[in-house]
């Protein structure tokens, strides 16, 4: 969904209070979903999702899980077909096979027919028709739970109490948010932590000044990473999540960079949404998800499946 999250989602304020009565519809939808019959598939399933709208690092975690289990399973990624999320599908495709049908049940059926024995689902915690072997709820460690309200008054798709039903929680981001950890542990004490580590820093001269642009769920997280690794940021352009860049967008970015003698940097996701003819003079920061206590997380996965 192409949105820039409204600021009122972060804090309790007049707008969130006024919208709070409308959360009854989110509660009603979730209540109805709770009666759906779950199907257990022959193929092992790991769902990496969230209950917070917007970017929480799900795709990056899916990729790391595949690497951890690559010697134990013939793995496929499953990504529900959304035409505005081809960037995430392209990222997954650089690390393995991807099945992307109009619904996840069809994709799982195809995965079983093709003799895969592990499916890693990028998103899908709200798909209550599937009985996952492992379910992981991701949060961005900076944004946390926002104002704590359900949609549309807040950023949560489900109540925090539902975290009890999931196998684990993952906090992803530069900030080690102990206050958030303490709050989430009331509902599920199986929590793992991670942050982003650049793997192509040698491609950049960090003595120069930069313009960055991105259209991702949590642009601040990208800026946090750039600041951590001492990039000099002089200008930035923020677009809606999954934004498809027009020639006019890129022309504007390049004119601004040229005027102020700035290098241009973006994320890998954004770079994959740029047509090849427009990629000249644009570099992307390639990152990997670094999991704290990787051995503990690896053992957790292997014990569960």
C-alpha atoms as a PDB file:
ATOM      1  CA  UNK A   1       0.000   0.000   0.000  1.00  0.00           C
ATOM      2  CA  UNK A   2       1.541   3.330  -1.074  1.00  0.00           C
ATOM      3  CA  UNK A   3       1.313   5.508   1.988  1.00  0.00           C
ATOM      4  CA  UNK A   4       3.413   7.808   4.089  1.00  0.00           C
ATOM      5  CA  UNK A   5       2.331   7.023   7.628  1.00  0.00           C
ATOM      6  CA  UNK A   6       0.478   9.939   9.252  1.00  0.00           C
ATOM      7  CA  UNK A   7       2.326  11.382  12.231  1.00  0.00           C
ATOM      8  CA  UNK A   8      -0.672  10.877  14.516  1.00  0.00           C
ATOM      9  CA  UNK A   9       0.043   7.121  14.458  1.00  0.00           C
ATOM     10  CA  UNK A  10       3.153   7.695  16.557  1.00  0.00           C
ATOM     11  CA  UNK A  11       1.545   9.404  19.554  1.00  0.00           C
ATOM     12  CA  UNK A  12      -1.789   9.663  21.272  1.00  0.00           C
ATOM     13  CA  UNK A  13      -3.350  12.973  20.244  1.00  0.00           C
ATOM     14  CA  UNK A  14      -6.650  14.561  19.274  1.00  0.00           C
ATOM     15  CA  UNK A  15      -6.845  12.796  15.901  1.00  0.00           C
ATOM     16  CA  UNK A  16      -6.129   9.360  17.350  1.00  0.00           C
ATOM     17  CA  UNK A  17      -8.688   9.938  20.129  1.00  0.00           C
ATOM     18  CA  UNK A  18     -11.327  10.969  17.591  1.00  0.00           C
ATOM     19  CA  UNK A  19     -10.628   7.904  15.446  1.00  0.00           C
ATOM     20  CA  UNK A  20     -10.489   5.476  18.358  1.00  0.00           C
ATOM     21  CA  UNK A  21     -14.230   4.546  18.220  1.00  0.00           C
ATOM     22  CA  UNK A  22     -13.709   3.310  14.657  1.00  0.00           C
ATOM     23  CA  UNK A  23     -11.282   0.631  15.870  1.00  0.00           C
ATOM     24  CA  UNK A  24     -14.423  -1.399  16.561  1.00  0.00           C
ATOM     25  CA  UNK A  25     -14.338  -2.410  12.888  1.00  0.00           C
ATOM     26  CA  UNK A  26     -10.758  -3.727  13.168  1.00  0.00           C
ATOM     27  CA  UNK A  27     -11.778  -5.632  16.293  1.00  0.00           C
ATOM     28  CA  UNK A  28     -14.799  -7.065  14.501  1.00  0.00           C
ATOM     29  CA  UNK A  29     -12.756  -8.228  11.510  1.00  0.00           C
ATOM     30  CA  UNK A  30     -10.211  -9.903  13.802  1.00  0.00           C
ATOM     31  CA  UNK A  31     -13.003 -11.528  15.809  1.00  0.00           C
ATOM     32  CA  UNK A  32     -14.540 -13.016  12.648  1.00  0.00           C
ATOM     33  CA  UNK A  33     -11.120 -14.239  11.492  1.00  0.00           C
ATOM     34  CA  UNK A  34     -10.659 -16.086  14.778  1.00  0.00           C
ATOM     35  CA  UNK A  35     -13.362 -18.558  13.692  1.00  0.00           C
ATOM     36  CA  UNK A  36     -11.682 -19.458  10.404  1.00  0.00           C
ATOM     37  CA  UNK A  37     -10.548 -23.066  10.104  1.00  0.00           C
ATOM     38  CA  UNK A  38      -6.772 -23.283   9.864  1.00  0.00           C
ATOM     39  CA  UNK A  39      -5.222 -25.655   7.353  1.00  0.00           C
ATOM     40  CA  UNK A  40      -2.009 -27.534   8.110  1.00  0.00           C
ATOM     41  CA  UNK A  41       0.165 -28.141   5.055  1.00  0.00           C
ATOM     42  CA  UNK A  42       2.582 -30.993   4.437  1.00  0.00           C
ATOM     43  CA  UNK A  43       5.301 -28.472   3.640  1.00  0.00           C
ATOM     44  CA  UNK A  44       6.922 -26.829   6.674  1.00  0.00           C
ATOM     45  CA  UNK A  45       5.978 -23.165   6.998  1.00  0.00           C
ATOM     46  CA  UNK A  46       7.625 -20.140   8.576  1.00  0.00           C
ATOM     47  CA  UNK A  47       5.657 -16.902   8.432  1.00  0.00           C
ATOM     48  CA  UNK A  48       7.514 -13.631   8.980  1.00  0.00           C
ATOM     49  CA  UNK A  49       4.945 -10.880   9.430  1.00  0.00           C
ATOM     50  CA  UNK A  50       3.917  -7.953  11.572  1.00  0.00           C
ATOM     51  CA  UNK A  51       1.000  -6.464  13.415  1.00  0.00           C
ATOM     52  CA  UNK A  52       2.340  -2.932  12.837  1.00  0.00           C
ATOM     53  CA  UNK A  53       1.644  -1.352   9.447  1.00  0.00           C
ATOM     54  CA  UNK A  54       4.599  -0.375   7.315  1.00  0.00           C
ATOM     55  CA  UNK A  55       8.182  -1.559   7.077  1.00  0.00           C
ATOM     56  CA  UNK A  56       9.496  -3.727   9.875  1.00  0.00           C
ATOM     57  CA  UNK A  57      12.251  -5.646   8.051  1.00  0.00           C
ATOM     58  CA  UNK A  58      10.284  -8.788   7.174  1.00  0.00           C
ATOM     59  CA  UNK A  59      11.961  -9.396   3.812  1.00  0.00           C
ATOM     60  CA  UNK A  60      15.472  -9.094   5.245  1.00  0.00           C
ATOM     61  CA  UNK A  61      14.628 -11.575   7.995  1.00  0.00           C
ATOM     62  CA  UNK A  62      13.158 -14.050   5.479  1.00  0.00           C
ATOM     63  CA  UNK A  63      16.451 -13.970   3.583  1.00  0.00           C
ATOM     64  CA  UNK A  64      18.476 -14.638   6.738  1.00  0.00           C
ATOM     65  CA  UNK A  65      16.231 -17.530   7.755  1.00  0.00           C
ATOM     66  CA  UNK A  66      16.783 -19.165   4.369  1.00  0.00           C
ATOM     67  CA  UNK A  67      20.554 -18.861   4.824  1.00  0.00           C
ATOM     68  CA  UNK A  68      20.357 -20.445   8.277  1.00  0.00           C
ATOM     69  CA  UNK A  69      18.330 -23.433   7.035  1.00  0.00           C
ATOM     70  CA  UNK A  70      19.753 -23.819   3.521  1.00  0.00           C
ATOM     71  CA  UNK A  71      21.515 -27.108   4.281  1.00  0.00           C
ATOM     72  CA  UNK A  72      18.464 -28.693   5.922  1.00  0.00           C
ATOM     73  CA  UNK A  73      15.612 -27.876   3.548  1.00  0.00           C
ATOM     74  CA  UNK A  74      14.730 -27.262  -0.074  1.00  0.00           C
ATOM     75  CA  UNK A  75      13.286 -23.835   0.507  1.00  0.00           C
ATOM     76  CA  UNK A  76      10.969 -21.504  -1.391  1.00  0.00           C
ATOM     77  CA  UNK A  77       9.881 -17.961  -0.581  1.00  0.00           C
ATOM     78  CA  UNK A  78       6.178 -17.156  -0.778  1.00  0.00           C
ATOM     79  CA  UNK A  79       5.046 -13.602  -1.372  1.00  0.00           C
ATOM     80  CA  UNK A  80       1.408 -12.759  -1.999  1.00  0.00           C
ATOM     81  CA  UNK A  81       0.996 -11.053  -5.367  1.00  0.00           C
ATOM     82  CA  UNK A  82       0.771  -7.304  -4.882  1.00  0.00           C
ATOM     83  CA  UNK A  83       1.647  -5.320  -7.989  1.00  0.00           C
ATOM     84  CA  UNK A  84       3.075  -2.441  -5.954  1.00  0.00           C
ATOM     85  CA  UNK A  85       5.503  -4.740  -4.101  1.00  0.00           C
ATOM     86  CA  UNK A  86       7.580  -6.098  -6.960  1.00  0.00           C
ATOM     87  CA  UNK A  87      10.679  -4.618  -5.293  1.00  0.00           C
ATOM     88  CA  UNK A  88      10.407  -7.054  -2.388  1.00  0.00           C
ATOM     89  CA  UNK A  89       9.801  -9.961  -4.735  1.00  0.00           C
ATOM     90  CA  UNK A  90      12.907  -9.002  -6.731  1.00  0.00           C
ATOM     91  CA  UNK A  91      14.971  -8.925  -3.540  1.00  0.00           C
ATOM     92  CA  UNK A  92      13.764 -12.393  -2.588  1.00  0.00           C
ATOM     93  CA  UNK A  93      14.465 -13.690  -6.098  1.00  0.00           C
ATOM     94  CA  UNK A  94      18.154 -12.781  -5.719  1.00  0.00           C
ATOM     95  CA  UNK A  95      18.322 -15.270  -2.831  1.00  0.00           C
ATOM     96  CA  UNK A  96      16.115 -18.143  -3.963  1.00  0.00           C
ATOM     97  CA  UNK A  97      12.972 -19.376  -5.659  1.00  0.00           C
ATOM     98  CA  UNK A  98       9.798 -17.352  -5.202  1.00  0.00           C
ATOM     99  CA  UNK A  99       6.158 -18.338  -5.697  1.00  0.00           C
ATOM    100  CA  UNK A 100       3.768 -15.399  -5.866  1.00  0.00           C
ATOM    101  CA  UNK A 101       0.101 -16.229  -6.465  1.00  0.00           C
ATOM    102  CA  UNK A 102      -3.037 -14.218  -5.713  1.00  0.00           C
ATOM    103  CA  UNK A 103      -3.352 -15.946  -2.337  1.00  0.00           C
ATOM    104  CA  UNK A 104      -0.992 -17.828  -0.069  1.00  0.00           C
ATOM    105  CA  UNK A 105      -2.963 -21.081  -0.087  1.00  0.00           C
ATOM    106  CA  UNK A 106      -2.496 -21.401  -3.844  1.00  0.00           C
ATOM    107  CA  UNK A 107       1.224 -20.646  -3.461  1.00  0.00           C
ATOM    108  CA  UNK A 108       1.626 -23.307  -0.768  1.00  0.00           C
ATOM    109  CA  UNK A 109      -0.140 -25.852  -2.972  1.00  0.00           C
ATOM    110  CA  UNK A 110       2.260 -25.055  -5.803  1.00  0.00           C
ATOM    111  CA  UNK A 111       5.228 -25.328  -3.434  1.00  0.00           C
ATOM    112  CA  UNK A 112       4.115 -28.810  -2.339  1.00  0.00           C
ATOM    113  CA  UNK A 113       3.608 -29.878  -5.973  1.00  0.00           C
ATOM    114  CA  UNK A 114       7.155 -28.763  -6.779  1.00  0.00           C
ATOM    115  CA  UNK A 115       8.519 -30.857  -3.875  1.00  0.00           C
ATOM    116  CA  UNK A 116       9.801 -27.990  -1.736  1.00  0.00           C
ATOM    117  CA  UNK A 117       9.860 -28.955   1.938  1.00  0.00           C
ATOM    118  CA  UNK A 118      10.056 -25.500   3.542  1.00  0.00           C
ATOM    119  CA  UNK A 119       8.128 -22.341   2.661  1.00  0.00           C
ATOM    120  CA  UNK A 120       9.188 -18.990   4.118  1.00  0.00           C
ATOM    121  CA  UNK A 121       6.282 -16.573   3.845  1.00  0.00           C
ATOM    122  CA  UNK A 122       7.095 -12.889   3.605  1.00  0.00           C
ATOM    123  CA  UNK A 123       4.038 -11.433   5.390  1.00  0.00           C
ATOM    124  CA  UNK A 124       0.846 -13.288   6.285  1.00  0.00           C
ATOM    125  CA  UNK A 125       0.259 -13.244  10.039  1.00  0.00           C
ATOM    126  CA  UNK A 126      -3.224 -11.904   9.405  1.00  0.00           C
ATOM    127  CA  UNK A 127      -4.009 -14.840   7.090  1.00  0.00           C
ATOM    128  CA  UNK A 128      -5.774 -16.963   9.703  1.00  0.00           C
ATOM    129  CA  UNK A 129      -6.564 -19.808   7.288  1.00  0.00           C
ATOM    130  CA  UNK A 130      -3.027 -21.204   7.549  1.00  0.00           C
ATOM    131  CA  UNK A 131      -1.580 -23.137  10.478  1.00  0.00           C
ATOM    132  CA  UNK A 132       2.067 -22.042  10.419  1.00  0.00           C
ATOM    133  CA  UNK A 133       4.807 -24.142  12.004  1.00  0.00           C
ATOM    134  CA  UNK A 134       6.608 -20.954  13.048  1.00  0.00           C
ATOM    135  CA  UNK A 135       5.119 -17.460  13.192  1.00  0.00           C
ATOM    136  CA  UNK A 136       7.313 -14.414  13.829  1.00  0.00           C
ATOM    137  CA  UNK A 137       6.014 -10.900  14.498  1.00  0.00           C
ATOM    138  CA  UNK A 138       8.462  -8.161  13.501  1.00  0.00           C
ATOM    139  CA  UNK A 139       8.684  -4.658  14.947  1.00  0.00           C
ATOM    140  CA  UNK A 140      10.914  -1.747  14.035  1.00  0.00           C
ATOM    141  CA  UNK A 141      12.804  -0.907  17.213  1.00  0.00           C
ATOM    142  CA  UNK A 142      12.465   2.850  16.654  1.00  0.00           C
ATOM    143  CA  UNK A 143       8.730   2.993  15.943  1.00  0.00           C
ATOM    144  CA  UNK A 144       7.770   0.166  18.279  1.00  0.00           C
ATOM    145  CA  UNK A 145       3.983   0.033  18.618  1.00  0.00           C
ATOM    146  CA  UNK A 146       3.381   3.701  17.771  1.00  0.00           C
ATOM    147  CA  UNK A 147       0.541   5.108  19.861  1.00  0.00           C
ATOM    148  CA  UNK A 148      -0.614   1.579  20.712  1.00  0.00           C
ATOM    149  CA  UNK A 149      -4.038   1.921  19.089  1.00  0.00           C
ATOM    150  CA  UNK A 150      -5.582  -0.322  16.453  1.00  0.00           C
ATOM    151  CA  UNK A 151      -6.286   0.906  12.926  1.00  0.00           C
ATOM    152  CA  UNK A 152      -7.444   3.523  11.989  1.00  0.00           C
ATOM    153  CA  UNK A 153      -6.580   5.345  15.234  1.00  0.00           C
ATOM    154  CA  UNK A 154      -3.137   3.758  15.401  1.00  0.00           C
ATOM    155  CA  UNK A 155      -0.709   1.568  13.458  1.00  0.00           C
ATOM    156  CA  UNK A 156      -1.649  -1.847  14.905  1.00  0.00           C
ATOM    157  CA  UNK A 157      -3.529  -4.469  12.895  1.00  0.00           C
ATOM    158  CA  UNK A 158      -4.127  -6.623  15.963  1.00  0.00           C
ATOM    159  CA  UNK A 159      -4.138  -6.190  19.727  1.00  0.00           C
ATOM    160  CA  UNK A 160      -0.836  -6.802  21.480  1.00  0.00           C
ATOM    161  CA  UNK A 161      -2.452  -9.748  23.263  1.00  0.00           C
ATOM    162  CA  UNK A 162      -2.310 -11.709  19.991  1.00  0.00           C
ATOM    163  CA  UNK A 163       1.476 -11.846  20.333  1.00  0.00           C
ATOM    164  CA  UNK A 164       0.909 -14.743  22.760  1.00  0.00           C
ATOM    165  CA  UNK A 165      -0.180 -16.857  19.797  1.00  0.00           C
ATOM    166  CA  UNK A 166       3.014 -16.305  17.807  1.00  0.00           C
ATOM    167  CA  UNK A 167       6.243 -18.259  18.109  1.00  0.00           C
ATOM    168  CA  UNK A 168       8.529 -15.262  18.583  1.00  0.00           C
ATOM    169  CA  UNK A 169       9.011 -11.509  18.278  1.00  0.00           C
ATOM    170  CA  UNK A 170      11.799  -9.839  16.301  1.00  0.00           C
ATOM    171  CA  UNK A 171      12.976  -6.283  16.985  1.00  0.00           C
ATOM    172  CA  UNK A 172      14.804  -4.880  13.966  1.00  0.00           C
ATOM    173  CA  UNK A 173      16.715  -1.608  13.782  1.00  0.00           C
ATOM    174  CA  UNK A 174      19.635   0.462  15.035  1.00  0.00           C
ATOM    175  CA  UNK A 175      17.977   1.433  18.309  1.00  0.00           C
ATOM    176  CA  UNK A 176      18.070  -1.064  21.195  1.00  0.00           C
ATOM    177  CA  UNK A 177      14.646  -0.241  22.614  1.00  0.00           C
ATOM    178  CA  UNK A 178      14.606  -1.774  26.090  1.00  0.00           C
ATOM    179  CA  UNK A 179      11.329  -0.066  27.005  1.00  0.00           C
ATOM    180  CA  UNK A 180       9.638  -1.674  24.002  1.00  0.00           C
ATOM    181  CA  UNK A 181      11.197  -5.054  24.823  1.00  0.00           C
ATOM    182  CA  UNK A 182       9.852  -4.887  28.363  1.00  0.00           C
ATOM    183  CA  UNK A 183       6.350  -4.061  27.112  1.00  0.00           C
ATOM    184  CA  UNK A 184       6.293  -6.846  24.526  1.00  0.00           C
ATOM    185  CA  UNK A 185       7.664  -9.433  26.957  1.00  0.00           C
ATOM    186  CA  UNK A 186       4.399  -9.193  28.874  1.00  0.00           C
ATOM    187  CA  UNK A 187       2.801 -11.005  25.942  1.00  0.00           C
ATOM    188  CA  UNK A 188       5.679 -13.114  24.568  1.00  0.00           C
ATOM    189  CA  UNK A 189       9.123 -13.435  26.134  1.00  0.00           C
ATOM    190  CA  UNK A 190      10.725 -15.087  23.090  1.00  0.00           C
ATOM    191  CA  UNK A 191      12.355 -11.949  21.638  1.00  0.00           C
ATOM    192  CA  UNK A 192      15.271 -11.648  19.218  1.00  0.00           C
ATOM    193  CA  UNK A 193      17.187  -8.538  18.161  1.00  0.00           C
ATOM    194  CA  UNK A 194      18.913  -7.442  14.957  1.00  0.00           C
ATOM    195  CA  UNK A 195      20.158  -4.451  13.020  1.00  0.00           C
ATOM    196  CA  UNK A 196      21.317  -3.596   9.511  1.00  0.00           C
ATOM    197  CA  UNK A 197      24.969  -3.857   8.478  1.00  0.00           C
ATOM    198  CA  UNK A 198      26.169  -2.403   5.138  1.00  0.00           C
ATOM    199  CA  UNK A 199      28.185  -4.816   3.020  1.00  0.00           C
ATOM    200  CA  UNK A 200      29.311  -2.490   0.191  1.00  0.00           C
ATOM    201  CA  UNK A 201      30.756   0.503   2.050  1.00  0.00           C
ATOM    202  CA  UNK A 202      33.877   0.318  -0.118  1.00  0.00           C
ATOM    203  CA  UNK A 203      31.774   1.640  -3.006  1.00  0.00           C
ATOM    204  CA  UNK A 204      31.304   4.995  -1.268  1.00  0.00           C
ATOM    205  CA  UNK A 205      33.543   7.947  -0.490  1.00  0.00           C
ATOM    206  CA  UNK A 206      32.199   9.084   2.868  1.00  0.00           C
ATOM    207  CA  UNK A 207      34.263  12.276   2.728  1.00  0.00           C
ATOM    208  CA  UNK A 208      31.769  13.523   0.147  1.00  0.00           C
ATOM    209  CA  UNK A 209      28.294  14.877   0.871  1.00  0.00           C
ATOM    210  CA  UNK A 210      25.183  12.931  -0.107  1.00  0.00           C
ATOM    211  CA  UNK A 211      21.580  13.269  -1.146  1.00  0.00           C
ATOM    212  CA  UNK A 212      19.488  10.276  -0.204  1.00  0.00           C
ATOM    213  CA  UNK A 213      16.047   9.301  -1.396  1.00  0.00           C
ATOM    214  CA  UNK A 214      13.780   6.396  -0.557  1.00  0.00           C
ATOM    215  CA  UNK A 215      10.217   5.145  -0.635  1.00  0.00           C
ATOM    216  CA  UNK A 216      10.124   2.565   2.152  1.00  0.00           C
ATOM    217  CA  UNK A 217       7.952   1.934   5.193  1.00  0.00           C
ATOM    218  CA  UNK A 218      10.416   3.424   7.707  1.00  0.00           C
ATOM    219  CA  UNK A 219      12.705   5.933   5.960  1.00  0.00           C
ATOM    220  CA  UNK A 220      14.146   7.053   9.285  1.00  0.00           C
ATOM    221  CA  UNK A 221      15.718   3.633   9.713  1.00  0.00           C
ATOM    222  CA  UNK A 222      17.678   4.118   6.481  1.00  0.00           C
ATOM    223  CA  UNK A 223      18.817   7.549   7.684  1.00  0.00           C
ATOM    224  CA  UNK A 224      19.834   6.053  11.047  1.00  0.00           C
ATOM    225  CA  UNK A 225      22.038   3.531   9.245  1.00  0.00           C
ATOM    226  CA  UNK A 226      23.616   6.241   7.064  1.00  0.00           C
ATOM    227  CA  UNK A 227      24.348   8.344  10.144  1.00  0.00           C
ATOM    228  CA  UNK A 228      25.800   5.391  12.012  1.00  0.00           C
ATOM    229  CA  UNK A 229      28.297   4.800   9.215  1.00  0.00           C
ATOM    230  CA  UNK A 230      29.277   8.486   8.985  1.00  0.00           C
ATOM    231  CA  UNK A 231      27.633   9.462   5.700  1.00  0.00           C
ATOM    232  CA  UNK A 232      27.339  13.255   5.361  1.00  0.00           C
ATOM    233  CA  UNK A 233      23.672  13.794   4.479  1.00  0.00           C
ATOM    234  CA  UNK A 234      22.904  17.241   3.062  1.00  0.00           C
ATOM    235  CA  UNK A 235      19.528  16.632   1.405  1.00  0.00           C
ATOM    236  CA  UNK A 236      16.815  13.988   1.317  1.00  0.00           C
ATOM    237  CA  UNK A 237      13.686  13.103  -0.641  1.00  0.00           C
ATOM    238  CA  UNK A 238      11.067  10.871   1.010  1.00  0.00           C
ATOM    239  CA  UNK A 239       8.436   9.123  -1.106  1.00  0.00           C
ATOM    240  CA  UNK A 240       5.503   6.842  -0.185  1.00  0.00           C
ATOM    241  CA  UNK A 241       6.218   3.174   0.545  1.00  0.00           C
ATOM    242  CA  UNK A 242       6.769   1.114  -2.654  1.00  0.00           C
ATOM    243  CA  UNK A 243       6.804   4.280  -4.777  1.00  0.00           C
ATOM    244  CA  UNK A 244       7.339   3.697  -8.504  1.00  0.00           C
ATOM    245  CA  UNK A 245       9.772   6.375  -9.630  1.00  0.00           C
ATOM    246  CA  UNK A 246       8.855   8.444 -12.655  1.00  0.00           C
ATOM    247  CA  UNK A 247      11.420  10.051 -14.936  1.00  0.00           C
ATOM    248  CA  UNK A 248      10.325  13.385 -13.469  1.00  0.00           C
ATOM    249  CA  UNK A 249      11.065  12.169  -9.900  1.00  0.00           C
ATOM    250  CA  UNK A 250      14.564  11.069 -10.838  1.00  0.00           C
ATOM    251  CA  UNK A 251      15.247  14.164 -12.911  1.00  0.00           C
ATOM    252  CA  UNK A 252      14.385  16.344  -9.910  1.00  0.00           C
ATOM    253  CA  UNK A 253      16.651  14.294  -7.646  1.00  0.00           C
ATOM    254  CA  UNK A 254      19.581  14.491 -10.062  1.00  0.00           C
ATOM    255  CA  UNK A 255      19.177  18.228 -10.662  1.00  0.00           C
ATOM    256  CA  UNK A 256      19.244  18.874  -6.903  1.00  0.00           C
ATOM    257  CA  UNK A 257      22.297  16.679  -6.462  1.00  0.00           C
ATOM    258  CA  UNK A 258      24.142  18.332  -9.348  1.00  0.00           C
ATOM    259  CA  UNK A 259      23.303  21.841  -8.117  1.00  0.00           C
ATOM    260  CA  UNK A 260      24.765  21.152  -4.656  1.00  0.00           C
ATOM    261  CA  UNK A 261      27.509  18.780  -5.848  1.00  0.00           C
ATOM    262  CA  UNK A 262      26.089  15.825  -3.931  1.00  0.00           C
ATOM    263  CA  UNK A 263      26.446  12.090  -4.457  1.00  0.00           C
ATOM    264  CA  UNK A 264      23.157  10.163  -4.689  1.00  0.00           C
ATOM    265  CA  UNK A 265      22.405   7.156  -2.512  1.00  0.00           C
ATOM    266  CA  UNK A 266      19.274   5.067  -1.988  1.00  0.00           C
ATOM    267  CA  UNK A 267      18.205   1.655  -0.673  1.00  0.00           C
ATOM    268  CA  UNK A 268      18.441  -1.612  -2.579  1.00  0.00           C
ATOM    269  CA  UNK A 269      14.638  -1.850  -2.633  1.00  0.00           C
ATOM    270  CA  UNK A 270      14.339   1.578  -4.202  1.00  0.00           C
ATOM    271  CA  UNK A 271      17.122   0.887  -6.695  1.00  0.00           C
ATOM    272  CA  UNK A 272      15.215  -2.140  -7.972  1.00  0.00           C
ATOM    273  CA  UNK A 273      12.231   0.117  -8.764  1.00  0.00           C
ATOM    274  CA  UNK A 274      14.277   2.404 -11.016  1.00  0.00           C
ATOM    275  CA  UNK A 275      14.361   1.683 -14.743  1.00  0.00           C
ATOM    276  CA  UNK A 276      17.807   0.784 -16.048  1.00  0.00           C
ATOM    277  CA  UNK A 277      18.101   3.934 -18.172  1.00  0.00           C
ATOM    278  CA  UNK A 278      17.860   6.118 -15.059  1.00  0.00           C
ATOM    279  CA  UNK A 279      20.309   4.314 -12.775  1.00  0.00           C
ATOM    280  CA  UNK A 280      23.367   6.274 -13.875  1.00  0.00           C
ATOM    281  CA  UNK A 281      24.993   8.201 -10.991  1.00  0.00           C
ATOM    282  CA  UNK A 282      22.729   6.510  -8.430  1.00  0.00           C
ATOM    283  CA  UNK A 283      24.225   4.061  -5.938  1.00  0.00           C
ATOM    284  CA  UNK A 284      22.462   1.927  -3.371  1.00  0.00           C
ATOM    285  CA  UNK A 285      23.560   0.826   0.072  1.00  0.00           C
ATOM    286  CA  UNK A 286      23.421  -2.946   0.231  1.00  0.00           C
ATOM    287  CA  UNK A 287      22.739  -4.186   3.744  1.00  0.00           C
ATOM    288  CA  UNK A 288      22.302  -7.484   5.492  1.00  0.00           C
ATOM    289  CA  UNK A 289      20.402  -8.178   8.657  1.00  0.00           C
ATOM    290  CA  UNK A 290      22.772  -8.981  11.514  1.00  0.00           C
ATOM    291  CA  UNK A 291      21.031 -11.125  14.114  1.00  0.00           C
ATOM    292  CA  UNK A 292      22.130 -10.801  17.713  1.00  0.00           C
ATOM    293  CA  UNK A 293      22.881 -14.219  19.220  1.00  0.00           C
ATOM    294  CA  UNK A 294      22.551 -15.958  15.862  1.00  0.00           C
ATOM    295  CA  UNK A 295      23.221 -19.393  17.351  1.00  0.00           C
ATOM    296  CA  UNK A 296      20.287 -19.050  19.740  1.00  0.00           C
ATOM    297  CA  UNK A 297      17.974 -18.060  16.895  1.00  0.00           C
ATOM    298  CA  UNK A 298      19.250 -20.899  14.689  1.00  0.00           C
ATOM    299  CA  UNK A 299      18.558 -23.409  17.462  1.00  0.00           C
ATOM    300  CA  UNK A 300      15.091 -21.935  17.954  1.00  0.00           C
ATOM    301  CA  UNK A 301      14.255 -22.450  14.259  1.00  0.00           C
ATOM    302  CA  UNK A 302      15.614 -26.001  14.156  1.00  0.00           C
ATOM    303  CA  UNK A 303      13.783 -27.012  17.331  1.00  0.00           C
ATOM    304  CA  UNK A 304      10.459 -25.695  16.027  1.00  0.00           C
ATOM    305  CA  UNK A 305      10.563 -27.415  12.646  1.00  0.00           C
END
